[in-house]
């Protein structure tokens, strides 16, 4: 019986390899090469000397792998401090965002009162207004509340400026969570808090992974808000420190490229670790029913 099924599966008609498929593959290969070329150039430059940078082609390989650029990046950017600050701001902000967005989206999706509908519209409006256009009032509020030049101040601002998108994303995904599971948990005597963390929260892994990746990427690479809110050297982020290597007087491109490679690694590792949940989270919430 198993042999018959296997034979039927093997004899299933295969899709013919047409000219249009070949053209699509060629186009996708060219696009992939165009996207990978800047990444290759950055990594390639990070191992070159200054002489090779100006004399050789951007695509030419270095004569030898020069790790001095990475050592210079650690020294010039005070990498231990800036990297730790960026990691701390990102982790705390994303964890609080995941908790707040999940709870808020659950309340909006399950409660049919007009107040919660108004809250949902309020968060949607927050997405439509970019926080870059609100820099002046954001800074005034932060300055009056004594949040500038403080670690908790910039974390608070990251949460305030990104929570709208997080609530929108989680609310869209929340519609796919079966309501019957929550009703069964309540019948068994679970409280509201336990129902969320024991029943609902485990089902939100794809959406949570999507939220964590997207918000981590945004906060980790943020320059505008970090440069606006923090001026103390001991509180600066990695992105702000890297910008100092691109000055009008002198530019140390090889060291800057090495610093960029170092800054990209944590986000790349995070994306690879949560990739399967990220893809599912981007597609499940888009289709209802």
Protein backbone atom coordinates (compact mmCIF):
# COMPACT_ATOMS: atom_id res chain seq x y z
CA UNK A 1 0.00 0.00 0.00
CA UNK A 2 2.81 2.41 0.92
CA UNK A 3 4.64 1.44 -2.30
CA UNK A 4 1.53 2.22 -4.36
CA UNK A 5 1.12 5.65 -2.76
CA UNK A 6 4.79 6.38 -3.31
CA UNK A 7 4.50 5.37 -6.93
CA UNK A 8 1.44 7.56 -7.44
CA UNK A 9 3.30 10.46 -5.84
CA UNK A 10 6.32 9.93 -8.10
CA UNK A 11 4.11 9.73 -11.19
CA UNK A 12 2.37 13.05 -10.42
CA UNK A 13 2.76 15.49 -13.30
CA UNK A 14 5.64 17.92 -12.89
CA UNK A 15 5.36 21.55 -13.84
CA UNK A 16 7.12 22.11 -17.17
CA UNK A 17 10.20 24.31 -17.23
CA UNK A 18 9.13 27.14 -19.53
CA UNK A 19 10.87 30.18 -20.95
CA UNK A 20 8.97 32.46 -18.59
CA UNK A 21 10.28 30.47 -15.59
CA UNK A 22 13.83 30.82 -16.94
CA UNK A 23 13.38 34.59 -17.39
CA UNK A 24 12.02 34.95 -13.85
CA UNK A 25 14.98 33.03 -12.45
CA UNK A 26 17.42 35.24 -14.34
CA UNK A 27 15.73 38.41 -13.06
CA UNK A 28 15.66 37.14 -9.47
CA UNK A 29 19.34 36.17 -9.70
CA UNK A 30 20.26 39.67 -10.91
CA UNK A 31 18.20 41.28 -8.13
CA UNK A 32 19.81 39.03 -5.52
CA UNK A 33 23.26 40.01 -6.81
CA UNK A 34 22.34 43.71 -6.63
CA UNK A 35 21.21 43.31 -3.01
CA UNK A 36 24.25 41.27 -2.03
CA UNK A 37 26.79 43.56 -3.72
CA UNK A 38 26.67 46.34 -1.05
CA UNK A 39 26.97 43.74 1.72
CA UNK A 40 29.99 42.21 0.01
CA UNK A 41 31.61 45.64 -0.47
CA UNK A 42 31.14 46.56 3.21
CA UNK A 43 32.67 43.28 4.41
CA UNK A 44 35.42 43.55 1.80
CA UNK A 45 36.31 47.12 2.83
CA UNK A 46 36.44 46.13 6.48
CA UNK A 47 39.49 43.96 5.74
CA UNK A 48 41.32 46.41 3.46
CA UNK A 49 44.02 48.92 4.26
CA UNK A 50 43.58 52.60 3.42
CA UNK A 51 45.94 52.21 0.47
CA UNK A 52 43.90 49.34 -0.99
CA UNK A 53 40.72 51.31 -0.39
CA UNK A 54 41.69 54.15 -2.73
CA UNK A 55 43.83 52.30 -5.30
CA UNK A 56 41.92 49.06 -5.90
CA UNK A 57 38.44 48.35 -7.21
CA UNK A 58 35.59 48.07 -4.66
CA UNK A 59 35.05 44.46 -5.74
CA UNK A 60 38.72 43.45 -5.60
CA UNK A 61 39.70 41.26 -2.67
CA UNK A 62 42.24 42.50 -0.11
CA UNK A 63 45.78 41.21 -0.33
CA UNK A 64 45.45 39.86 3.19
CA UNK A 65 42.72 39.90 5.83
CA UNK A 66 43.51 42.96 7.91
CA UNK A 67 41.90 42.63 11.36
CA UNK A 68 43.47 45.90 12.54
CA UNK A 69 40.35 47.73 11.35
CA UNK A 70 38.25 45.81 13.87
CA UNK A 71 40.73 46.62 16.64
CA UNK A 72 40.60 50.31 15.68
CA UNK A 73 36.80 50.19 15.69
CA UNK A 74 36.81 48.87 19.26
CA UNK A 75 39.18 51.60 20.39
CA UNK A 76 37.82 54.62 18.50
CA UNK A 77 34.14 53.92 19.14
CA UNK A 78 34.58 52.78 22.74
CA UNK A 79 32.80 49.65 21.54
CA UNK A 80 32.29 48.07 24.95
CA UNK A 81 30.27 51.05 26.18
CA UNK A 82 28.39 51.92 22.98
CA UNK A 83 27.59 48.30 22.16
CA UNK A 84 26.37 47.66 25.72
CA UNK A 85 24.21 50.80 25.66
CA UNK A 86 22.63 49.88 22.35
CA UNK A 87 22.00 46.30 23.48
CA UNK A 88 20.49 47.48 26.77
CA UNK A 89 18.19 50.04 25.14
CA UNK A 90 17.04 47.56 22.50
CA UNK A 91 16.41 44.58 24.78
CA UNK A 92 14.51 46.49 27.47
CA UNK A 93 12.46 48.47 24.94
CA UNK A 94 11.51 45.40 22.91
CA UNK A 95 10.59 43.30 25.96
CA UNK A 96 8.32 46.04 27.33
CA UNK A 97 6.84 46.58 23.86
CA UNK A 98 6.08 42.88 23.44
CA UNK A 99 4.31 42.76 26.80
CA UNK A 100 2.32 45.99 26.34
CA UNK A 101 1.39 45.39 22.70
CA UNK A 102 0.21 41.85 23.38
CA UNK A 103 -2.00 42.85 26.31
CA UNK A 104 -3.37 45.92 24.53
CA UNK A 105 -4.14 44.02 21.33
CA UNK A 106 -5.89 41.27 23.32
CA UNK A 107 -8.09 43.82 25.08
CA UNK A 108 -8.94 45.59 21.80
CA UNK A 109 -9.71 42.34 19.95
CA UNK A 110 -11.86 40.80 22.69
CA UNK A 111 -13.71 43.85 24.08
CA UNK A 112 -16.42 45.28 21.84
CA UNK A 113 -16.90 48.51 23.77
CA UNK A 114 -16.61 51.78 21.84
CA UNK A 115 -13.74 52.88 24.06
CA UNK A 116 -11.53 50.05 22.78
CA UNK A 117 -12.48 50.82 19.18
CA UNK A 118 -11.44 54.41 19.80
CA UNK A 119 -8.13 53.17 21.25
CA UNK A 120 -7.49 51.11 18.12
CA UNK A 121 -8.15 54.13 15.88
CA UNK A 122 -5.87 56.19 18.13
CA UNK A 123 -2.99 53.75 17.59
CA UNK A 124 -3.67 53.67 13.83
CA UNK A 125 -3.35 57.46 13.72
CA UNK A 126 -0.05 57.08 15.56
CA UNK A 127 1.28 55.00 12.67
CA UNK A 128 0.29 57.62 10.10
CA UNK A 129 2.27 60.38 11.84
CA UNK A 130 6.04 59.73 11.69
CA UNK A 131 7.83 60.50 14.91
CA UNK A 132 10.48 62.40 12.95
CA UNK A 133 7.86 65.11 12.37
CA UNK A 134 7.31 65.39 16.13
CA UNK A 135 10.91 65.82 17.23
CA UNK A 136 10.42 69.29 18.67
CA UNK A 137 7.44 68.46 20.96
CA UNK A 138 9.06 65.12 21.84
CA UNK A 139 12.23 66.90 22.97
CA UNK A 140 10.28 69.59 24.86
CA UNK A 141 8.27 66.97 26.74
CA UNK A 142 11.37 64.94 27.51
CA UNK A 143 13.30 68.00 28.65
CA UNK A 144 10.48 69.15 30.96
CA UNK A 145 10.19 65.66 32.44
CA UNK A 146 13.99 65.46 32.83
CA UNK A 147 14.22 62.44 30.54
CA UNK A 148 17.01 63.77 28.33
CA UNK A 149 20.51 62.38 28.81
CA UNK A 150 19.14 59.42 30.75
CA UNK A 151 19.00 55.76 29.82
CA UNK A 152 15.43 55.25 30.98
CA UNK A 153 14.38 58.40 29.10
CA UNK A 154 15.46 57.13 25.69
CA UNK A 155 13.94 53.71 26.44
CA UNK A 156 10.64 55.41 27.29
CA UNK A 157 10.75 57.37 24.02
CA UNK A 158 11.51 54.26 21.97
CA UNK A 159 8.45 52.58 23.50
CA UNK A 160 6.24 55.64 22.97
CA UNK A 161 7.22 56.05 19.31
CA UNK A 162 6.92 52.39 18.28
CA UNK A 163 3.97 51.09 20.30
CA UNK A 164 1.40 52.12 17.66
CA UNK A 165 2.74 49.74 15.03
CA UNK A 166 3.14 46.97 17.59
CA UNK A 167 -0.50 47.20 18.68
CA UNK A 168 -1.65 47.23 15.05
CA UNK A 169 0.41 44.14 14.22
CA UNK A 170 -0.68 42.19 17.29
CA UNK A 171 -4.36 43.11 16.87
CA UNK A 172 -4.33 41.83 13.28
CA UNK A 173 -2.86 38.52 14.43
CA UNK A 174 -5.15 38.25 17.47
CA UNK A 175 -8.13 37.57 15.19
CA UNK A 176 -6.61 34.17 14.33
CA UNK A 177 -6.56 33.02 17.97
CA UNK A 178 -9.63 30.81 18.67
CA UNK A 179 -11.97 32.36 21.22
CA UNK A 180 -13.16 28.89 22.30
CA UNK A 181 -9.81 28.18 23.98
CA UNK A 182 -10.19 31.22 26.21
CA UNK A 183 -13.78 30.31 27.07
CA UNK A 184 -12.70 26.79 28.01
CA UNK A 185 -9.94 28.18 30.23
CA UNK A 186 -12.41 30.44 32.03
CA UNK A 187 -14.78 27.54 32.59
CA UNK A 188 -11.88 25.64 34.18
CA UNK A 189 -11.43 28.53 36.61
CA UNK A 190 -8.50 30.43 35.05
CA UNK A 191 -8.26 34.13 35.84
CA UNK A 192 -7.91 36.74 33.12
CA UNK A 193 -4.15 37.05 33.63
CA UNK A 194 -3.60 33.30 33.66
CA UNK A 195 -5.80 32.88 30.58
CA UNK A 196 -3.63 35.31 28.67
CA UNK A 197 -0.23 33.96 29.73
CA UNK A 198 -1.19 30.24 29.69
CA UNK A 199 -3.52 30.07 26.67
CA UNK A 200 -3.23 33.15 24.47
CA UNK A 201 0.44 34.08 24.82
CA UNK A 202 1.85 30.72 23.57
CA UNK A 203 -0.23 31.10 20.39
CA UNK A 204 1.26 34.52 19.68
CA UNK A 205 4.81 33.29 19.01
CA UNK A 206 4.80 34.12 15.26
CA UNK A 207 3.43 37.62 15.85
CA UNK A 208 5.77 38.18 18.80
CA UNK A 209 8.76 37.08 16.71
CA UNK A 210 7.72 39.45 13.93
CA UNK A 211 7.32 42.30 16.40
CA UNK A 212 10.65 41.58 18.11
CA UNK A 213 12.59 41.44 14.84
CA UNK A 214 11.06 44.58 13.32
CA UNK A 215 11.27 46.72 16.45
CA UNK A 216 14.76 45.46 17.34
CA UNK A 217 15.93 46.36 13.86
CA UNK A 218 14.44 49.85 14.14
CA UNK A 219 15.71 50.62 17.64
CA UNK A 220 19.16 49.07 17.12
CA UNK A 221 19.79 51.14 13.98
CA UNK A 222 18.14 54.35 15.19
CA UNK A 223 20.24 57.46 14.88
CA UNK A 224 17.88 60.46 15.02
CA UNK A 225 16.22 59.83 18.39
CA UNK A 226 19.46 58.65 20.01
CA UNK A 227 21.38 61.72 18.84
CA UNK A 228 18.55 64.02 19.92
CA UNK A 229 18.02 62.62 23.41
CA UNK A 230 21.54 61.63 24.42
CA UNK A 231 24.59 63.87 24.39
CA UNK A 232 26.63 62.27 27.18
CA UNK A 233 29.49 60.17 25.87
CA UNK A 234 28.85 57.33 28.30
CA UNK A 235 25.24 56.99 27.10
CA UNK A 236 25.77 57.12 23.33
CA UNK A 237 24.66 54.29 21.07
CA UNK A 238 26.67 52.40 18.48
CA UNK A 239 25.00 54.10 15.51
CA UNK A 240 25.79 57.58 16.83
CA UNK A 241 29.39 56.55 17.48
CA UNK A 242 29.81 55.17 13.95
CA UNK A 243 28.62 58.48 12.48
CA UNK A 244 31.59 60.20 14.11
CA UNK A 245 33.89 58.34 11.69
CA UNK A 246 32.27 60.15 8.74
CA UNK A 247 33.24 63.75 9.41
CA UNK A 248 33.77 66.61 6.99
CA UNK A 249 37.49 66.83 7.79
CA UNK A 250 38.63 63.20 7.89
CA UNK A 251 36.82 59.94 7.20
CA UNK A 252 38.11 56.56 8.28
CA UNK A 253 36.08 54.36 5.95
CA UNK A 254 37.84 51.06 6.63
CA UNK A 255 37.33 51.37 10.38
CA UNK A 256 33.75 52.49 9.82
CA UNK A 257 33.04 49.45 7.65
CA UNK A 258 34.43 47.17 10.35
CA UNK A 259 32.20 48.86 12.91
CA UNK A 260 29.18 48.43 10.62
CA UNK A 261 29.89 44.70 10.29
CA UNK A 262 30.06 44.37 14.08
CA UNK A 263 26.82 46.31 14.53
CA UNK A 264 24.96 44.17 11.99
CA UNK A 265 25.88 40.81 13.53
CA UNK A 266 23.43 40.82 16.52
CA UNK A 267 20.42 41.70 14.34
CA UNK A 268 21.45 39.11 11.73
CA UNK A 269 21.72 36.42 14.43
CA UNK A 270 18.32 37.44 15.84
CA UNK A 271 16.67 37.27 12.42
CA UNK A 272 18.16 33.86 11.62
CA UNK A 273 17.03 32.51 15.01
CA UNK A 274 13.42 33.72 14.60
CA UNK A 275 13.14 33.46 10.82
CA UNK A 276 10.52 30.71 10.69
CA UNK A 277 8.28 32.54 13.15
CA UNK A 278 8.83 35.82 11.32
CA UNK A 279 7.61 34.44 7.98
CA UNK A 280 4.56 32.87 9.60
CA UNK A 281 3.75 36.02 11.52
CA UNK A 282 3.84 38.12 8.34
CA UNK A 283 1.38 35.84 6.53
CA UNK A 284 -1.03 34.37 9.10
CA UNK A 285 -2.52 37.64 10.26
CA UNK A 286 -3.16 38.76 6.70
CA UNK A 287 -5.83 36.11 6.00
CA UNK A 288 -8.91 35.68 8.15
CA UNK A 289 -11.24 32.74 8.26
